[in-house]
């Protein structure tokens, strides 16, 4: 799911699985083996951000959204949690001049102080816009070391939150502020499970099989004869190696 806020187009899997260790408020979410969202990030945080295991979308409005002294409206707010514990409260700005305008309040060691209060210390801001350098056609956000805090009122276990408030200041003195109020709709939460990629040998074998099937189609081999044809084709692609001569 590429992040010029295309994440909002991905189907949501609602809560049904056992509680996830280390997630805020004891989130209960369903596992999903579909392709994971891809969130463009800078090299410093790329490895941490690629292992997103949970995201949650919130329905409501931003009564306050200030970025370096400028006021904005928001299009969407989401929470992301990584397998290694880093979490983001991410905001897609309603900016007609820049549909890639996205910011994230990012931090480690989020914790629940009370049943309905989750806090996330902020140590960096991720800032994305159409003017940022691109990787694979996607803008890569800048990372601004920052100091701040996010507070979420509500309980993820019940999918009900009332508000999120974030405030941070970066090393350059720029201030970022978010006040989000829920409209009362349940949270939509999804857990993403990473699927190991096939080994190089397996990928090569799959490619060989595909090429042999294509050759069978070009040769107009009858369906009943295709298995034999493909086996012979694969044997030609991978001839047996001669055994070593006895010493």
C-alpha atoms as a PDB file:
ATOM      1  CA  UNK A   1       0.000   0.000   0.000  1.00  0.00           C
ATOM      2  CA  UNK A   2       1.823   3.058  -1.168  1.00  0.00           C
ATOM      3  CA  UNK A   3       1.595   6.137   0.909  1.00  0.00           C
ATOM      4  CA  UNK A   4       0.284   9.100  -0.969  1.00  0.00           C
ATOM      5  CA  UNK A   5      -2.484   8.046   1.387  1.00  0.00           C
ATOM      6  CA  UNK A   6      -3.409   5.120  -0.821  1.00  0.00           C
ATOM      7  CA  UNK A   7      -3.490   3.187   2.421  1.00  0.00           C
ATOM      8  CA  UNK A   8      -7.100   4.274   2.826  1.00  0.00           C
ATOM      9  CA  UNK A   9      -8.092   2.194  -0.184  1.00  0.00           C
ATOM     10  CA  UNK A  10      -6.987  -1.112   1.318  1.00  0.00           C
ATOM     11  CA  UNK A  11      -9.741  -3.371   2.733  1.00  0.00           C
ATOM     12  CA  UNK A  12      -9.887  -3.521   6.533  1.00  0.00           C
ATOM     13  CA  UNK A  13      -9.790  -6.740   8.542  1.00  0.00           C
ATOM     14  CA  UNK A  14     -11.738  -6.220  11.750  1.00  0.00           C
ATOM     15  CA  UNK A  15     -10.811  -7.375  15.264  1.00  0.00           C
ATOM     16  CA  UNK A  16     -11.112 -11.058  15.929  1.00  0.00           C
ATOM     17  CA  UNK A  17      -7.727 -12.560  16.723  1.00  0.00           C
ATOM     18  CA  UNK A  18      -5.995 -12.924  20.117  1.00  0.00           C
ATOM     19  CA  UNK A  19      -4.409  -9.891  21.728  1.00  0.00           C
ATOM     20  CA  UNK A  20      -1.128  -8.734  20.185  1.00  0.00           C
ATOM     21  CA  UNK A  21       1.783  -8.499  22.592  1.00  0.00           C
ATOM     22  CA  UNK A  22       3.258  -5.046  22.814  1.00  0.00           C
ATOM     23  CA  UNK A  23       0.411  -3.304  21.019  1.00  0.00           C
ATOM     24  CA  UNK A  24      -1.369  -0.402  22.675  1.00  0.00           C
ATOM     25  CA  UNK A  25      -4.516  -1.037  24.668  1.00  0.00           C
ATOM     26  CA  UNK A  26      -4.293  -4.791  23.964  1.00  0.00           C
ATOM     27  CA  UNK A  27      -5.459  -4.455  20.351  1.00  0.00           C
ATOM     28  CA  UNK A  28      -7.360  -7.495  19.132  1.00  0.00           C
ATOM     29  CA  UNK A  29      -7.014  -7.813  15.391  1.00  0.00           C
ATOM     30  CA  UNK A  30      -7.319 -10.356  12.614  1.00  0.00           C
ATOM     31  CA  UNK A  31      -4.237 -11.664  10.852  1.00  0.00           C
ATOM     32  CA  UNK A  32      -3.947 -11.053   7.136  1.00  0.00           C
ATOM     33  CA  UNK A  33      -1.506 -12.637   4.710  1.00  0.00           C
ATOM     34  CA  UNK A  34      -2.059 -10.200   1.843  1.00  0.00           C
ATOM     35  CA  UNK A  35       0.603  -7.839   0.597  1.00  0.00           C
ATOM     36  CA  UNK A  36       1.787  -5.401   3.184  1.00  0.00           C
ATOM     37  CA  UNK A  37       1.550  -1.658   2.830  1.00  0.00           C
ATOM     38  CA  UNK A  38       4.705   0.046   1.676  1.00  0.00           C
ATOM     39  CA  UNK A  39       5.353   3.314   3.474  1.00  0.00           C
ATOM     40  CA  UNK A  40       8.165   5.395   1.992  1.00  0.00           C
ATOM     41  CA  UNK A  41      10.671   6.528   4.581  1.00  0.00           C
ATOM     42  CA  UNK A  42      14.196   7.851   4.637  1.00  0.00           C
ATOM     43  CA  UNK A  43      17.202   5.558   4.954  1.00  0.00           C
ATOM     44  CA  UNK A  44      17.498   6.247   8.684  1.00  0.00           C
ATOM     45  CA  UNK A  45      14.132   4.683   9.477  1.00  0.00           C
ATOM     46  CA  UNK A  46      13.475   2.528   6.411  1.00  0.00           C
ATOM     47  CA  UNK A  47      14.249  -0.751   8.151  1.00  0.00           C
ATOM     48  CA  UNK A  48      12.100   0.102  11.156  1.00  0.00           C
ATOM     49  CA  UNK A  49       9.156   1.288   9.083  1.00  0.00           C
ATOM     50  CA  UNK A  50       9.114  -1.683   6.716  1.00  0.00           C
ATOM     51  CA  UNK A  51       8.037  -4.087   9.457  1.00  0.00           C
ATOM     52  CA  UNK A  52       4.632  -2.503  10.133  1.00  0.00           C
ATOM     53  CA  UNK A  53       2.464  -5.174  11.760  1.00  0.00           C
ATOM     54  CA  UNK A  54      -0.593  -3.137  12.797  1.00  0.00           C
ATOM     55  CA  UNK A  55      -2.356  -0.107  11.470  1.00  0.00           C
ATOM     56  CA  UNK A  56      -5.589   1.482  12.642  1.00  0.00           C
ATOM     57  CA  UNK A  57      -7.708   4.073  10.848  1.00  0.00           C
ATOM     58  CA  UNK A  58      -9.683   6.645  12.816  1.00  0.00           C
ATOM     59  CA  UNK A  59     -12.887   8.381  11.814  1.00  0.00           C
ATOM     60  CA  UNK A  60     -13.411  11.964  12.947  1.00  0.00           C
ATOM     61  CA  UNK A  61     -12.014  15.458  12.464  1.00  0.00           C
ATOM     62  CA  UNK A  62      -8.932  17.498  13.315  1.00  0.00           C
ATOM     63  CA  UNK A  63      -9.924  20.549  15.316  1.00  0.00           C
ATOM     64  CA  UNK A  64      -6.262  21.616  15.324  1.00  0.00           C
ATOM     65  CA  UNK A  65      -3.472  20.796  12.899  1.00  0.00           C
ATOM     66  CA  UNK A  66      -0.524  23.185  12.939  1.00  0.00           C
ATOM     67  CA  UNK A  67       2.774  22.672  11.127  1.00  0.00           C
ATOM     68  CA  UNK A  68       5.525  25.219  11.662  1.00  0.00           C
ATOM     69  CA  UNK A  69       2.986  27.972  12.290  1.00  0.00           C
ATOM     70  CA  UNK A  70       0.627  27.053   9.441  1.00  0.00           C
ATOM     71  CA  UNK A  71      -2.912  25.794   9.970  1.00  0.00           C
ATOM     72  CA  UNK A  72      -4.233  22.847   7.967  1.00  0.00           C
ATOM     73  CA  UNK A  73      -7.260  20.595   7.840  1.00  0.00           C
ATOM     74  CA  UNK A  74      -6.758  16.820   7.729  1.00  0.00           C
ATOM     75  CA  UNK A  75      -8.088  14.139   5.409  1.00  0.00           C
ATOM     76  CA  UNK A  76      -7.290  11.137   7.577  1.00  0.00           C
ATOM     77  CA  UNK A  77      -5.519  10.036  10.750  1.00  0.00           C
ATOM     78  CA  UNK A  78      -4.025   6.594  11.319  1.00  0.00           C
ATOM     79  CA  UNK A  79      -1.941   4.759  13.891  1.00  0.00           C
ATOM     80  CA  UNK A  80       0.919   2.473  12.841  1.00  0.00           C
ATOM     81  CA  UNK A  81       2.804   0.016  15.035  1.00  0.00           C
ATOM     82  CA  UNK A  82       5.953  -1.883  14.026  1.00  0.00           C
ATOM     83  CA  UNK A  83       7.151  -5.287  15.158  1.00  0.00           C
ATOM     84  CA  UNK A  84      10.097  -3.605  16.880  1.00  0.00           C
ATOM     85  CA  UNK A  85       7.889  -1.267  18.915  1.00  0.00           C
ATOM     86  CA  UNK A  86       8.112   2.006  16.995  1.00  0.00           C
ATOM     87  CA  UNK A  87       4.747   3.669  16.487  1.00  0.00           C
ATOM     88  CA  UNK A  88       3.440   6.590  14.416  1.00  0.00           C
ATOM     89  CA  UNK A  89       0.379   8.765  14.519  1.00  0.00           C
ATOM     90  CA  UNK A  90       0.173   9.723  10.846  1.00  0.00           C
ATOM     91  CA  UNK A  91      -1.892  12.531   9.344  1.00  0.00           C
ATOM     92  CA  UNK A  92      -2.800  13.073   5.686  1.00  0.00           C
ATOM     93  CA  UNK A  93      -3.242  16.817   5.224  1.00  0.00           C
ATOM     94  CA  UNK A  94      -6.101  18.315   3.253  1.00  0.00           C
ATOM     95  CA  UNK A  95      -3.764  20.377   1.094  1.00  0.00           C
ATOM     96  CA  UNK A  96      -5.161  21.109  -2.409  1.00  0.00           C
ATOM     97  CA  UNK A  97      -1.691  22.154  -3.536  1.00  0.00           C
ATOM     98  CA  UNK A  98      -0.035  18.907  -2.437  1.00  0.00           C
ATOM     99  CA  UNK A  99      -1.818  15.558  -2.284  1.00  0.00           C
ATOM    100  CA  UNK A 100       1.385  13.964  -0.963  1.00  0.00           C
ATOM    101  CA  UNK A 101       1.434  16.180   2.138  1.00  0.00           C
ATOM    102  CA  UNK A 102       1.680  13.723   5.049  1.00  0.00           C
ATOM    103  CA  UNK A 103       3.239  14.015   8.502  1.00  0.00           C
ATOM    104  CA  UNK A 104       3.918  11.447  11.209  1.00  0.00           C
ATOM    105  CA  UNK A 105       4.503  11.857  14.929  1.00  0.00           C
ATOM    106  CA  UNK A 106       6.922   8.957  15.520  1.00  0.00           C
ATOM    107  CA  UNK A 107       8.298   7.424  18.691  1.00  0.00           C
ATOM    108  CA  UNK A 108       9.281   4.354  20.699  1.00  0.00           C
ATOM    109  CA  UNK A 109       8.108   2.921  24.003  1.00  0.00           C
ATOM    110  CA  UNK A 110       4.438   3.797  23.820  1.00  0.00           C
ATOM    111  CA  UNK A 111       2.657   2.787  27.013  1.00  0.00           C
ATOM    112  CA  UNK A 112      -0.758   2.710  28.616  1.00  0.00           C
ATOM    113  CA  UNK A 113      -0.870   4.620  31.891  1.00  0.00           C
ATOM    114  CA  UNK A 114      -4.553   4.037  32.504  1.00  0.00           C
ATOM    115  CA  UNK A 115      -7.225   1.847  30.972  1.00  0.00           C
ATOM    116  CA  UNK A 116      -8.240   4.570  28.516  1.00  0.00           C
ATOM    117  CA  UNK A 117      -4.977   6.513  28.128  1.00  0.00           C
ATOM    118  CA  UNK A 118      -2.180   5.553  25.744  1.00  0.00           C
ATOM    119  CA  UNK A 119       0.919   7.775  25.544  1.00  0.00           C
ATOM    120  CA  UNK A 120       3.650   7.801  22.919  1.00  0.00           C
ATOM    121  CA  UNK A 121       6.866   9.815  23.496  1.00  0.00           C
ATOM    122  CA  UNK A 122       7.829  11.484  20.195  1.00  0.00           C
ATOM    123  CA  UNK A 123      11.493  11.575  19.100  1.00  0.00           C
ATOM    124  CA  UNK A 124      11.108  12.432  15.409  1.00  0.00           C
ATOM    125  CA  UNK A 125       8.744  13.897  12.858  1.00  0.00           C
ATOM    126  CA  UNK A 126       8.429  12.362   9.387  1.00  0.00           C
ATOM    127  CA  UNK A 127       7.518  15.021   6.819  1.00  0.00           C
ATOM    128  CA  UNK A 128       6.392  14.136   3.325  1.00  0.00           C
ATOM    129  CA  UNK A 129       5.433  16.328   0.374  1.00  0.00           C
ATOM    130  CA  UNK A 130       5.422  16.319  -3.408  1.00  0.00           C
ATOM    131  CA  UNK A 131       8.778  18.118  -3.436  1.00  0.00           C
ATOM    132  CA  UNK A 132      10.607  15.362  -1.575  1.00  0.00           C
ATOM    133  CA  UNK A 133      13.054  13.055  -3.424  1.00  0.00           C
ATOM    134  CA  UNK A 134      11.388   9.905  -4.693  1.00  0.00           C
ATOM    135  CA  UNK A 135      12.129   6.192  -4.420  1.00  0.00           C
ATOM    136  CA  UNK A 136      10.219   3.921  -6.814  1.00  0.00           C
ATOM    137  CA  UNK A 137       8.120   6.966  -7.705  1.00  0.00           C
ATOM    138  CA  UNK A 138       7.096   7.610  -4.094  1.00  0.00           C
ATOM    139  CA  UNK A 139       8.175  10.726  -2.135  1.00  0.00           C
ATOM    140  CA  UNK A 140      10.566   9.866   0.712  1.00  0.00           C
ATOM    141  CA  UNK A 141       9.899  11.905   3.874  1.00  0.00           C
ATOM    142  CA  UNK A 142      12.494  13.909   5.693  1.00  0.00           C
ATOM    143  CA  UNK A 143      13.242  12.963   9.295  1.00  0.00           C
ATOM    144  CA  UNK A 144      13.297  15.787  11.824  1.00  0.00           C
ATOM    145  CA  UNK A 145      14.594  14.844  15.268  1.00  0.00           C
ATOM    146  CA  UNK A 146      12.022  16.170  17.706  1.00  0.00           C
ATOM    147  CA  UNK A 147      10.786  16.125  21.259  1.00  0.00           C
ATOM    148  CA  UNK A 148       7.132  15.728  22.138  1.00  0.00           C
ATOM    149  CA  UNK A 149       4.277  13.482  23.139  1.00  0.00           C
ATOM    150  CA  UNK A 150       1.031  11.992  21.821  1.00  0.00           C
ATOM    151  CA  UNK A 151      -1.930  11.054  24.029  1.00  0.00           C
ATOM    152  CA  UNK A 152      -4.765   8.891  22.877  1.00  0.00           C
ATOM    153  CA  UNK A 153      -7.951   8.778  24.952  1.00  0.00           C
ATOM    154  CA  UNK A 154      -9.905   5.575  24.458  1.00  0.00           C
ATOM    155  CA  UNK A 155      -9.396   1.857  24.292  1.00  0.00           C
ATOM    156  CA  UNK A 156      -8.184   0.073  21.159  1.00  0.00           C
ATOM    157  CA  UNK A 157      -9.417  -3.254  22.516  1.00  0.00           C
ATOM    158  CA  UNK A 158     -12.989  -2.026  22.082  1.00  0.00           C
ATOM    159  CA  UNK A 159     -12.157  -0.048  18.929  1.00  0.00           C
ATOM    160  CA  UNK A 160     -13.449   3.087  20.603  1.00  0.00           C
ATOM    161  CA  UNK A 161     -11.374   6.225  21.048  1.00  0.00           C
ATOM    162  CA  UNK A 162     -12.472   9.766  21.771  1.00  0.00           C
ATOM    163  CA  UNK A 163      -9.394  11.829  20.920  1.00  0.00           C
ATOM    164  CA  UNK A 164      -5.733  12.003  19.975  1.00  0.00           C
ATOM    165  CA  UNK A 165      -3.552  14.969  20.940  1.00  0.00           C
ATOM    166  CA  UNK A 166       0.034  15.327  19.740  1.00  0.00           C
ATOM    167  CA  UNK A 167       2.575  18.081  20.240  1.00  0.00           C
ATOM    168  CA  UNK A 168       6.235  18.139  19.171  1.00  0.00           C
ATOM    169  CA  UNK A 169       9.064  20.568  18.472  1.00  0.00           C
ATOM    170  CA  UNK A 170      11.942  19.714  16.152  1.00  0.00           C
ATOM    171  CA  UNK A 171      15.601  20.707  16.534  1.00  0.00           C
ATOM    172  CA  UNK A 172      15.031  23.733  14.326  1.00  0.00           C
ATOM    173  CA  UNK A 173      12.345  25.073  16.630  1.00  0.00           C
ATOM    174  CA  UNK A 174       9.431  24.213  14.334  1.00  0.00           C
ATOM    175  CA  UNK A 175       6.310  23.169  16.214  1.00  0.00           C
ATOM    176  CA  UNK A 176       3.748  20.534  15.246  1.00  0.00           C
ATOM    177  CA  UNK A 177       0.360  20.154  16.896  1.00  0.00           C
ATOM    178  CA  UNK A 178      -2.558  17.783  16.339  1.00  0.00           C
ATOM    179  CA  UNK A 179      -5.923  17.611  18.073  1.00  0.00           C
ATOM    180  CA  UNK A 180      -8.193  14.927  16.673  1.00  0.00           C
ATOM    181  CA  UNK A 181     -11.729  14.098  17.866  1.00  0.00           C
ATOM    182  CA  UNK A 182     -13.465  10.859  16.958  1.00  0.00           C
ATOM    183  CA  UNK A 183     -16.960  10.953  15.473  1.00  0.00           C
ATOM    184  CA  UNK A 184     -17.861   7.903  17.564  1.00  0.00           C
ATOM    185  CA  UNK A 185     -17.397   5.345  14.800  1.00  0.00           C
ATOM    186  CA  UNK A 186     -15.466   2.201  15.751  1.00  0.00           C
ATOM    187  CA  UNK A 187     -11.791   2.077  14.872  1.00  0.00           C
ATOM    188  CA  UNK A 188     -10.875  -0.055  11.873  1.00  0.00           C
ATOM    189  CA  UNK A 189      -7.809  -2.111  12.690  1.00  0.00           C
ATOM    190  CA  UNK A 190      -5.672  -4.476  10.648  1.00  0.00           C
ATOM    191  CA  UNK A 191      -2.769  -6.711  11.491  1.00  0.00           C
ATOM    192  CA  UNK A 192      -0.273  -7.437   8.740  1.00  0.00           C
ATOM    193  CA  UNK A 193       1.798 -10.595   8.806  1.00  0.00           C
ATOM    194  CA  UNK A 194       5.027 -10.709   6.864  1.00  0.00           C
ATOM    195  CA  UNK A 195       5.344 -13.624   4.455  1.00  0.00           C
ATOM    196  CA  UNK A 196       8.876 -14.918   3.800  1.00  0.00           C
ATOM    197  CA  UNK A 197       9.980 -14.335   0.227  1.00  0.00           C
ATOM    198  CA  UNK A 198      10.777 -17.383  -1.884  1.00  0.00           C
ATOM    199  CA  UNK A 199      14.406 -18.390  -2.089  1.00  0.00           C
ATOM    200  CA  UNK A 200      16.403 -17.454  -5.182  1.00  0.00           C
ATOM    201  CA  UNK A 201      16.431 -21.076  -6.353  1.00  0.00           C
ATOM    202  CA  UNK A 202      12.671 -21.333  -5.976  1.00  0.00           C
ATOM    203  CA  UNK A 203      12.116 -18.100  -7.917  1.00  0.00           C
ATOM    204  CA  UNK A 204      14.423 -19.341 -10.677  1.00  0.00           C
ATOM    205  CA  UNK A 205      12.551 -22.646 -10.835  1.00  0.00           C
ATOM    206  CA  UNK A 206       9.200 -20.851 -11.046  1.00  0.00           C
ATOM    207  CA  UNK A 207      10.505 -18.721 -13.903  1.00  0.00           C
ATOM    208  CA  UNK A 208      11.698 -21.823 -15.751  1.00  0.00           C
ATOM    209  CA  UNK A 209       8.288 -23.448 -15.349  1.00  0.00           C
ATOM    210  CA  UNK A 210       6.585 -20.331 -16.674  1.00  0.00           C
ATOM    211  CA  UNK A 211       8.874 -20.227 -19.715  1.00  0.00           C
ATOM    212  CA  UNK A 212       8.195 -23.904 -20.452  1.00  0.00           C
ATOM    213  CA  UNK A 213       4.440 -23.371 -20.224  1.00  0.00           C
ATOM    214  CA  UNK A 214       4.738 -20.450 -22.627  1.00  0.00           C
ATOM    215  CA  UNK A 215       6.761 -22.619 -25.035  1.00  0.00           C
ATOM    216  CA  UNK A 216       4.028 -25.281 -24.842  1.00  0.00           C
ATOM    217  CA  UNK A 217       1.394 -22.706 -25.747  1.00  0.00           C
ATOM    218  CA  UNK A 218       3.435 -21.385 -28.686  1.00  0.00           C
ATOM    219  CA  UNK A 219       3.975 -24.942 -29.905  1.00  0.00           C
ATOM    220  CA  UNK A 220       0.212 -25.574 -29.543  1.00  0.00           C
ATOM    221  CA  UNK A 221       0.812 -28.675 -27.471  1.00  0.00           C
ATOM    222  CA  UNK A 222      -2.463 -30.423 -26.593  1.00  0.00           C
ATOM    223  CA  UNK A 223      -3.491 -30.136 -22.916  1.00  0.00           C
ATOM    224  CA  UNK A 224      -3.127 -33.895 -22.395  1.00  0.00           C
ATOM    225  CA  UNK A 225       0.474 -33.767 -23.638  1.00  0.00           C
ATOM    226  CA  UNK A 226       1.545 -30.616 -21.788  1.00  0.00           C
ATOM    227  CA  UNK A 227       2.779 -32.242 -18.544  1.00  0.00           C
ATOM    228  CA  UNK A 228       5.160 -34.480 -20.522  1.00  0.00           C
ATOM    229  CA  UNK A 229       6.273 -31.544 -22.692  1.00  0.00           C
ATOM    230  CA  UNK A 230       6.946 -29.312 -19.669  1.00  0.00           C
ATOM    231  CA  UNK A 231       8.884 -32.060 -17.872  1.00  0.00           C
ATOM    232  CA  UNK A 232      11.067 -32.511 -20.945  1.00  0.00           C
ATOM    233  CA  UNK A 233      11.496 -28.751 -21.290  1.00  0.00           C
ATOM    234  CA  UNK A 234      12.614 -28.436 -17.671  1.00  0.00           C
ATOM    235  CA  UNK A 235      15.047 -31.302 -18.148  1.00  0.00           C
ATOM    236  CA  UNK A 236      16.614 -29.427 -21.054  1.00  0.00           C
ATOM    237  CA  UNK A 237      16.848 -26.257 -18.968  1.00  0.00           C
ATOM    238  CA  UNK A 238      18.524 -28.178 -16.129  1.00  0.00           C
ATOM    239  CA  UNK A 239      20.531 -31.073 -17.572  1.00  0.00           C
ATOM    240  CA  UNK A 240      21.855 -33.511 -14.975  1.00  0.00           C
ATOM    241  CA  UNK A 241      25.438 -32.922 -13.965  1.00  0.00           C
ATOM    242  CA  UNK A 242      27.935 -35.668 -14.614  1.00  0.00           C
ATOM    243  CA  UNK A 243      29.246 -37.440 -11.499  1.00  0.00           C
ATOM    244  CA  UNK A 244      32.819 -36.863 -10.541  1.00  0.00           C
ATOM    245  CA  UNK A 245      35.246 -39.372 -12.013  1.00  0.00           C
ATOM    246  CA  UNK A 246      36.605 -41.872  -9.497  1.00  0.00           C
ATOM    247  CA  UNK A 247      40.037 -41.107  -8.267  1.00  0.00           C
END
